Structures are given as C-alpha cells and as structure tokens.
PDB file of all heavy atoms in Angstrom:
ATOM      1  N   ALA A   1     -26.349  16.277  -8.422  1.00  0.00           N
ATOM      2  CA  ALA A   1     -25.214  16.181  -7.502  1.00  0.00           C
ATOM      3  C   ALA A   1     -23.942  16.707  -8.154  1.00  0.00           C
ATOM      4  O   ALA A   1     -23.686  16.459  -9.331  1.00  0.00           O
ATOM      5  CB  ALA A   1     -25.002  14.739  -7.056  1.00  0.00           C
ATOM      6  N   ALA A   2     -23.148  17.427  -7.365  1.00  0.00           N
ATOM      7  CA  ALA A   2     -21.823  17.827  -7.800  1.00  0.00           C
ATOM      8  C   ALA A   2     -20.906  16.609  -7.790  1.00  0.00           C
ATOM      9  O   ALA A   2     -21.237  15.554  -7.232  1.00  0.00           O
ATOM     10  CB  ALA A   2     -21.279  18.923  -6.888  1.00  0.00           C
ATOM     11  N   SER A   3     -19.722  16.742  -8.374  1.00  0.00           N
ATOM     12  CA  SER A   3     -18.798  15.603  -8.511  1.00  0.00           C
ATOM     13  C   SER A   3     -17.975  15.362  -7.260  1.00  0.00           C
ATOM     14  O   SER A   3     -17.037  14.558  -7.270  1.00  0.00           O
ATOM     15  CB  SER A   3     -17.860  15.847  -9.698  1.00  0.00           C
ATOM     16  OG  SER A   3     -17.118  17.037  -9.520  1.00  0.00           O
ATOM     17  N   THR A   4     -18.304  16.010  -6.158  1.00  0.00           N
ATOM     18  CA  THR A   4     -17.504  15.967  -4.940  1.00  0.00           C
ATOM     19  C   THR A   4     -17.365  14.561  -4.366  1.00  0.00           C
ATOM     20  O   THR A   4     -16.322  14.215  -3.802  1.00  0.00           O
ATOM     21  CB  THR A   4     -18.124  16.894  -3.877  1.00  0.00           C
ATOM     22  OG1 THR A   4     -18.306  18.192  -4.451  1.00  0.00           O
ATOM     23  CG2 THR A   4     -17.243  17.001  -2.653  1.00  0.00           C
ATOM     24  N   TYR A   5     -18.397  13.746  -4.501  1.00  0.00           N
ATOM     25  CA  TYR A   5     -18.343  12.417  -3.903  1.00  0.00           C
ATOM     26  C   TYR A   5     -17.205  11.581  -4.498  1.00  0.00           C
ATOM     27  O   TYR A   5     -16.393  11.012  -3.769  1.00  0.00           O
ATOM     28  CB  TYR A   5     -19.675  11.698  -4.096  1.00  0.00           C
ATOM     29  CG  TYR A   5     -20.763  12.202  -3.188  1.00  0.00           C
ATOM     30  CD1 TYR A   5     -21.666  13.168  -3.615  1.00  0.00           C
ATOM     31  CD2 TYR A   5     -20.888  11.721  -1.897  1.00  0.00           C
ATOM     32  CE1 TYR A   5     -22.668  13.634  -2.779  1.00  0.00           C
ATOM     33  CE2 TYR A   5     -21.889  12.176  -1.053  1.00  0.00           C
ATOM     34  CZ  TYR A   5     -22.776  13.140  -1.499  1.00  0.00           C
ATOM     35  OH  TYR A   5     -23.756  13.616  -0.669  1.00  0.00           O
ATOM     36  N   LEU A   6     -17.140  11.501  -5.807  1.00  0.00           N
ATOM     37  CA  LEU A   6     -16.042  10.766  -6.431  1.00  0.00           C
ATOM     38  C   LEU A   6     -14.721  11.507  -6.293  1.00  0.00           C
ATOM     39  O   LEU A   6     -13.660  10.890  -6.220  1.00  0.00           O
ATOM     40  CB  LEU A   6     -16.361  10.498  -7.904  1.00  0.00           C
ATOM     41  CG  LEU A   6     -17.467   9.473  -8.169  1.00  0.00           C
ATOM     42  CD1 LEU A   6     -17.728   9.343  -9.667  1.00  0.00           C
ATOM     43  CD2 LEU A   6     -17.121   8.120  -7.573  1.00  0.00           C
ATOM     44  N   HIS A   7     -14.778  12.821  -6.249  1.00  0.00           N
ATOM     45  CA  HIS A   7     -13.582  13.650  -6.130  1.00  0.00           C
ATOM     46  C   HIS A   7     -12.892  13.423  -4.783  1.00  0.00           C
ATOM     47  O   HIS A   7     -11.712  13.041  -4.720  1.00  0.00           O
ATOM     48  CB  HIS A   7     -13.987  15.117  -6.296  1.00  0.00           C
ATOM     49  CG  HIS A   7     -12.852  16.079  -6.334  1.00  0.00           C
ATOM     50  ND1 HIS A   7     -13.027  17.428  -6.590  1.00  0.00           N
ATOM     51  CD2 HIS A   7     -11.516  15.930  -6.136  1.00  0.00           C
ATOM     52  CE1 HIS A   7     -11.858  18.036  -6.565  1.00  0.00           C
ATOM     53  NE2 HIS A   7     -10.921  17.152  -6.286  1.00  0.00           N
ATOM     54  N   LEU A   8     -13.623  13.654  -3.699  1.00  0.00           N
ATOM     55  CA  LEU A   8     -13.051  13.545  -2.352  1.00  0.00           C
ATOM     56  C   LEU A   8     -13.361  12.212  -1.682  1.00  0.00           C
ATOM     57  O   LEU A   8     -13.074  12.037  -0.494  1.00  0.00           O
ATOM     58  CB  LEU A   8     -13.571  14.689  -1.474  1.00  0.00           C
ATOM     59  CG  LEU A   8     -13.198  16.112  -1.915  1.00  0.00           C
ATOM     60  CD1 LEU A   8     -13.704  17.127  -0.901  1.00  0.00           C
ATOM     61  CD2 LEU A   8     -11.701  16.254  -2.124  1.00  0.00           C
ATOM     62  N   GLY A   9     -13.937  11.288  -2.441  1.00  0.00           N
ATOM     63  CA  GLY A   9     -14.239   9.989  -1.872  1.00  0.00           C
ATOM     64  C   GLY A   9     -13.497   8.842  -2.516  1.00  0.00           C
ATOM     65  O   GLY A   9     -13.237   7.826  -1.864  1.00  0.00           O
ATOM     66  N   ALA A  10     -13.131   8.990  -3.802  1.00  0.00           N
ATOM     67  CA  ALA A  10     -12.589   7.848  -4.519  1.00  0.00           C
ATOM     68  C   ALA A  10     -11.301   8.136  -5.271  1.00  0.00           C
ATOM     69  O   ALA A  10     -10.315   7.427  -5.103  1.00  0.00           O
ATOM     70  CB  ALA A  10     -13.642   7.311  -5.499  1.00  0.00           C
ATOM     71  N   MET A  11     -11.271   9.175  -6.111  1.00  0.00           N
ATOM     72  CA  MET A  11     -10.241   9.281  -7.144  1.00  0.00           C
ATOM     73  C   MET A  11      -9.232  10.395  -6.956  1.00  0.00           C
ATOM     74  O   MET A  11      -8.117  10.311  -7.481  1.00  0.00           O
ATOM     75  CB  MET A  11     -10.908   9.475  -8.511  1.00  0.00           C
ATOM     76  CG  MET A  11     -11.915   8.411  -8.878  1.00  0.00           C
ATOM     77  SD  MET A  11     -12.733   8.855 -10.429  1.00  0.00           S
ATOM     78  CE  MET A  11     -13.993   7.590 -10.517  1.00  0.00           C
ATOM     79  N   GLY A  12      -9.609  11.470  -6.283  1.00  0.00           N
ATOM     80  CA  GLY A  12      -8.755  12.647  -6.213  1.00  0.00           C
ATOM     81  C   GLY A  12      -7.523  12.460  -5.352  1.00  0.00           C
ATOM     82  O   GLY A  12      -7.345  11.427  -4.695  1.00  0.00           O
ATOM     83  N   PRO A  13      -6.642  13.457  -5.316  1.00  0.00           N
ATOM     84  CA  PRO A  13      -5.419  13.368  -4.515  1.00  0.00           C
ATOM     85  C   PRO A  13      -5.674  13.302  -3.019  1.00  0.00           C
ATOM     86  O   PRO A  13      -4.843  12.797  -2.263  1.00  0.00           O
ATOM     87  CB  PRO A  13      -4.663  14.649  -4.875  1.00  0.00           C
ATOM     88  CG  PRO A  13      -5.294  15.159  -6.113  1.00  0.00           C
ATOM     89  CD  PRO A  13      -6.703  14.707  -6.102  1.00  0.00           C
ATOM     90  N   LYS A  14      -6.820  13.833  -2.578  1.00  0.00           N
ATOM     91  CA  LYS A  14      -7.193  13.770  -1.172  1.00  0.00           C
ATOM     92  C   LYS A  14      -8.596  13.188  -1.043  1.00  0.00           C
ATOM     93  O   LYS A  14      -9.435  13.352  -1.935  1.00  0.00           O
ATOM     94  CB  LYS A  14      -7.137  15.152  -0.510  1.00  0.00           C
ATOM     95  CG  LYS A  14      -5.726  15.666  -0.288  1.00  0.00           C
ATOM     96  CD  LYS A  14      -5.727  16.914   0.579  1.00  0.00           C
ATOM     97  CE  LYS A  14      -4.301  17.350   0.911  1.00  0.00           C
ATOM     98  NZ  LYS A  14      -4.276  18.539   1.803  1.00  0.00           N
ATOM     99  N   VAL A  15      -8.839  12.506   0.085  1.00  0.00           N
ATOM    100  CA  VAL A  15     -10.154  11.936   0.348  1.00  0.00           C
ATOM    101  C   VAL A  15     -10.592  12.282   1.760  1.00  0.00           C
ATOM    102  O   VAL A  15      -9.768  12.590   2.632  1.00  0.00           O
ATOM    103  CB  VAL A  15     -10.168  10.404   0.176  1.00  0.00           C
ATOM    104  CG1 VAL A  15     -10.036  10.019  -1.278  1.00  0.00           C
ATOM    105  CG2 VAL A  15      -9.086   9.749   1.010  1.00  0.00           C
ATOM    106  N   VAL A  16     -11.891  12.219   1.964  1.00  0.00           N
ATOM    107  CA  VAL A  16     -12.451  12.413   3.295  1.00  0.00           C
ATOM    108  C   VAL A  16     -12.179  11.162   4.125  1.00  0.00           C
ATOM    109  O   VAL A  16     -12.421  10.038   3.681  1.00  0.00           O
ATOM    110  CB  VAL A  16     -13.962  12.694   3.212  1.00  0.00           C
ATOM    111  CG1 VAL A  16     -14.559  12.807   4.601  1.00  0.00           C
ATOM    112  CG2 VAL A  16     -14.228  13.964   2.418  1.00  0.00           C
ATOM    113  N   ALA A  17     -11.659  11.340   5.319  1.00  0.00           N
ATOM    114  CA  ALA A  17     -11.327  10.206   6.184  1.00  0.00           C
ATOM    115  C   ALA A  17     -12.597   9.477   6.604  1.00  0.00           C
ATOM    116  O   ALA A  17     -13.621  10.095   6.908  1.00  0.00           O
ATOM    117  CB  ALA A  17     -10.562  10.682   7.405  1.00  0.00           C
ATOM    118  N   THR A  18     -12.515   8.155   6.629  1.00  0.00           N
ATOM    119  CA  THR A  18     -13.632   7.319   7.067  1.00  0.00           C
ATOM    120  C   THR A  18     -13.134   6.273   8.055  1.00  0.00           C
ATOM    121  O   THR A  18     -11.934   6.002   8.152  1.00  0.00           O
ATOM    122  CB  THR A  18     -14.298   6.597   5.883  1.00  0.00           C
ATOM    123  OG1 THR A  18     -13.329   5.761   5.237  1.00  0.00           O
ATOM    124  CG2 THR A  18     -14.857   7.590   4.876  1.00  0.00           C
ATOM    125  N   THR A  19     -14.067   5.677   8.764  1.00  0.00           N
ATOM    126  CA  THR A  19     -13.728   4.559   9.647  1.00  0.00           C
ATOM    127  C   THR A  19     -13.543   3.305   8.810  1.00  0.00           C
ATOM    128  O   THR A  19     -13.759   3.300   7.593  1.00  0.00           O
ATOM    129  CB  THR A  19     -14.837   4.333  10.685  1.00  0.00           C
ATOM    130  OG1 THR A  19     -16.043   3.948   9.986  1.00  0.00           O
ATOM    131  CG2 THR A  19     -15.101   5.602  11.476  1.00  0.00           C
ATOM    132  N   GLU A  20     -13.169   2.218   9.453  1.00  0.00           N
ATOM    133  CA  GLU A  20     -12.914   0.966   8.735  1.00  0.00           C
ATOM    134  C   GLU A  20     -14.148   0.468   7.995  1.00  0.00           C
ATOM    135  O   GLU A  20     -14.035  -0.122   6.919  1.00  0.00           O
ATOM    136  CB  GLU A  20     -12.433  -0.099   9.719  1.00  0.00           C
ATOM    137  CG  GLU A  20     -11.990  -1.391   9.057  1.00  0.00           C
ATOM    138  CD  GLU A  20     -11.407  -2.381  10.052  1.00  0.00           C
ATOM    139  OE1 GLU A  20     -10.994  -1.946  11.149  1.00  0.00           O
ATOM    140  OE2 GLU A  20     -11.359  -3.576   9.730  1.00  0.00           O
ATOM    141  N   ASP A  21     -15.336   0.715   8.560  1.00  0.00           N
ATOM    142  CA  ASP A  21     -16.554   0.244   7.906  1.00  0.00           C
ATOM    143  C   ASP A  21     -17.172   1.291   6.987  1.00  0.00           C
ATOM    144  O   ASP A  21     -18.289   1.126   6.501  1.00  0.00           O
ATOM    145  CB  ASP A  21     -17.586  -0.217   8.930  1.00  0.00           C
ATOM    146  CG  ASP A  21     -17.987   0.894   9.896  1.00  0.00           C
ATOM    147  OD1 ASP A  21     -17.440   2.013   9.790  1.00  0.00           O
ATOM    148  OD2 ASP A  21     -18.837   0.638  10.772  1.00  0.00           O
ATOM    149  N   GLY A  22     -16.443   2.392   6.725  1.00  0.00           N
ATOM    150  CA  GLY A  22     -16.885   3.357   5.732  1.00  0.00           C
ATOM    151  C   GLY A  22     -17.663   4.544   6.256  1.00  0.00           C
ATOM    152  O   GLY A  22     -18.154   5.351   5.465  1.00  0.00           O
ATOM    153  N   ALA A  23     -17.776   4.700   7.569  1.00  0.00           N
ATOM    154  CA  ALA A  23     -18.489   5.850   8.127  1.00  0.00           C
ATOM    155  C   ALA A  23     -17.565   7.069   8.158  1.00  0.00           C
ATOM    156  O   ALA A  23     -16.379   6.958   8.471  1.00  0.00           O
ATOM    157  CB  ALA A  23     -18.986   5.540   9.534  1.00  0.00           C
ATOM    158  N   LEU A  24     -18.106   8.250   7.811  1.00  0.00           N
ATOM    159  CA  LEU A  24     -17.319   9.477   7.853  1.00  0.00           C
ATOM    160  C   LEU A  24     -17.053   9.892   9.290  1.00  0.00           C
ATOM    161  O   LEU A  24     -17.893   9.695  10.169  1.00  0.00           O
ATOM    162  CB  LEU A  24     -18.038  10.614   7.120  1.00  0.00           C
ATOM    163  CG  LEU A  24     -17.745  10.750   5.623  1.00  0.00           C
ATOM    164  CD1 LEU A  24     -18.232   9.528   4.860  1.00  0.00           C
ATOM    165  CD2 LEU A  24     -18.373  12.016   5.066  1.00  0.00           C
ATOM    166  N   THR A  25     -15.886  10.462   9.518  1.00  0.00           N
ATOM    167  CA  THR A  25     -15.566  10.999  10.827  1.00  0.00           C
ATOM    168  C   THR A  25     -15.930  12.480  10.860  1.00  0.00           C
ATOM    169  O   THR A  25     -16.044  13.126   9.842  1.00  0.00           O
ATOM    170  CB  THR A  25     -14.074  10.829  11.134  1.00  0.00           C
ATOM    171  OG1 THR A  25     -13.308  11.528  10.136  1.00  0.00           O
ATOM    172  CG2 THR A  25     -13.681   9.360  11.117  1.00  0.00           C
ATOM    173  N   GLY A  26     -16.067  13.028  12.064  1.00  0.00           N
ATOM    174  CA  GLY A  26     -16.417  14.436  12.184  1.00  0.00           C
ATOM    175  C   GLY A  26     -17.868  14.599  12.596  1.00  0.00           C
ATOM    176  O   GLY A  26     -18.525  13.627  12.980  1.00  0.00           O
ATOM    177  N   PRO A  27     -18.414  15.807  12.503  1.00  0.00           N
ATOM    178  CA  PRO A  27     -17.826  16.988  11.862  1.00  0.00           C
ATOM    179  C   PRO A  27     -16.781  17.682  12.742  1.00  0.00           C
ATOM    180  O   PRO A  27     -16.807  17.491  13.945  1.00  0.00           O
ATOM    181  CB  PRO A  27     -19.050  17.889  11.666  1.00  0.00           C
ATOM    182  CG  PRO A  27     -20.010  17.496  12.764  1.00  0.00           C
ATOM    183  CD  PRO A  27     -19.773  16.033  12.998  1.00  0.00           C
ATOM    184  N   PRO A  28     -15.876  18.467  12.092  1.00  0.00           N
ATOM    185  CA  PRO A  28     -15.751  18.631  10.637  1.00  0.00           C
ATOM    186  C   PRO A  28     -15.067  17.429  10.013  1.00  0.00           C
ATOM    187  O   PRO A  28     -14.349  16.690  10.693  1.00  0.00           O
ATOM    188  CB  PRO A  28     -14.882  19.882  10.512  1.00  0.00           C
ATOM    189  CG  PRO A  28     -14.016  19.841  11.739  1.00  0.00           C
ATOM    190  CD  PRO A  28     -14.887  19.295  12.828  1.00  0.00           C
ATOM    191  N   ALA A  29     -15.286  17.237   8.719  1.00  0.00           N
ATOM    192  CA  ALA A  29     -14.651  16.142   8.005  1.00  0.00           C
ATOM    193  C   ALA A  29     -13.154  16.419   7.871  1.00  0.00           C
ATOM    194  O   ALA A  29     -12.727  17.558   7.766  1.00  0.00           O
ATOM    195  CB  ALA A  29     -15.277  15.983   6.621  1.00  0.00           C
ATOM    196  N   LYS A  30     -12.379  15.359   7.913  1.00  0.00           N
ATOM    197  CA  LYS A  30     -10.930  15.480   7.788  1.00  0.00           C
ATOM    198  C   LYS A  30     -10.485  14.959   6.428  1.00  0.00           C
ATOM    199  O   LYS A  30     -10.907  13.874   6.001  1.00  0.00           O
ATOM    200  CB  LYS A  30     -10.240  14.682   8.899  1.00  0.00           C
ATOM    201  CG  LYS A  30      -8.723  14.744   8.859  1.00  0.00           C
ATOM    202  CD  LYS A  30      -8.112  13.884   9.966  1.00  0.00           C
ATOM    203  CE  LYS A  30      -6.590  13.914   9.902  1.00  0.00           C
ATOM    204  NZ  LYS A  30      -5.983  13.037  10.940  1.00  0.00           N
ATOM    205  N   LEU A  31      -9.641  15.730   5.738  1.00  0.00           N
ATOM    206  CA  LEU A  31      -9.097  15.306   4.456  1.00  0.00           C
ATOM    207  C   LEU A  31      -7.710  14.708   4.652  1.00  0.00           C
ATOM    208  O   LEU A  31      -6.875  15.276   5.361  1.00  0.00           O
ATOM    209  CB  LEU A  31      -9.027  16.485   3.481  1.00  0.00           C
ATOM    210  CG  LEU A  31     -10.368  16.998   2.942  1.00  0.00           C
ATOM    211  CD1 LEU A  31     -10.150  18.252   2.099  1.00  0.00           C
ATOM    212  CD2 LEU A  31     -11.061  15.925   2.117  1.00  0.00           C
ATOM    213  N   ILE A  32      -7.478  13.568   3.998  1.00  0.00           N
ATOM    214  CA  ILE A  32      -6.194  12.888   4.103  1.00  0.00           C
ATOM    215  C   ILE A  32      -5.698  12.534   2.705  1.00  0.00           C
ATOM    216  O   ILE A  32      -6.492  12.471   1.759  1.00  0.00           O
ATOM    217  CB  ILE A  32      -6.309  11.602   4.951  1.00  0.00           C
ATOM    218  CG1 ILE A  32      -7.322  10.633   4.319  1.00  0.00           C
ATOM    219  CG2 ILE A  32      -6.705  11.943   6.384  1.00  0.00           C
ATOM    220  CD1 ILE A  32      -7.413   9.289   5.010  1.00  0.00           C
ATOM    221  N   PRO A  33      -4.379  12.322   2.523  1.00  0.00           N
ATOM    222  CA  PRO A  33      -3.878  11.894   1.209  1.00  0.00           C
ATOM    223  C   PRO A  33      -4.530  10.581   0.785  1.00  0.00           C
ATOM    224  O   PRO A  33      -4.780   9.705   1.610  1.00  0.00           O
ATOM    225  CB  PRO A  33      -2.371  11.720   1.443  1.00  0.00           C
ATOM    226  CG  PRO A  33      -2.068  12.599   2.615  1.00  0.00           C
ATOM    227  CD  PRO A  33      -3.289  12.543   3.495  1.00  0.00           C
TER     228      PRO A  33
END
C-alpha cells in the first residue's frame, strides 16, 4: 500500500471528507482542510 491513507486520511494538511460515522463521500472524493 502507498502512504495515501495516512496522508489524506489522518495527518496531512488535507483529508478526504467523510460522514460522521466515517464513510467516504463521493465519488468523486472531496478534499478538505
């Protein structure tokens, strides 16, 4: 696996938007601060 999950999911400046219970929105996925 590439490091994208922790990058855009946990630690980076931007993350993939999710619902309150953690489900991803989209497609396409939306990046938020």
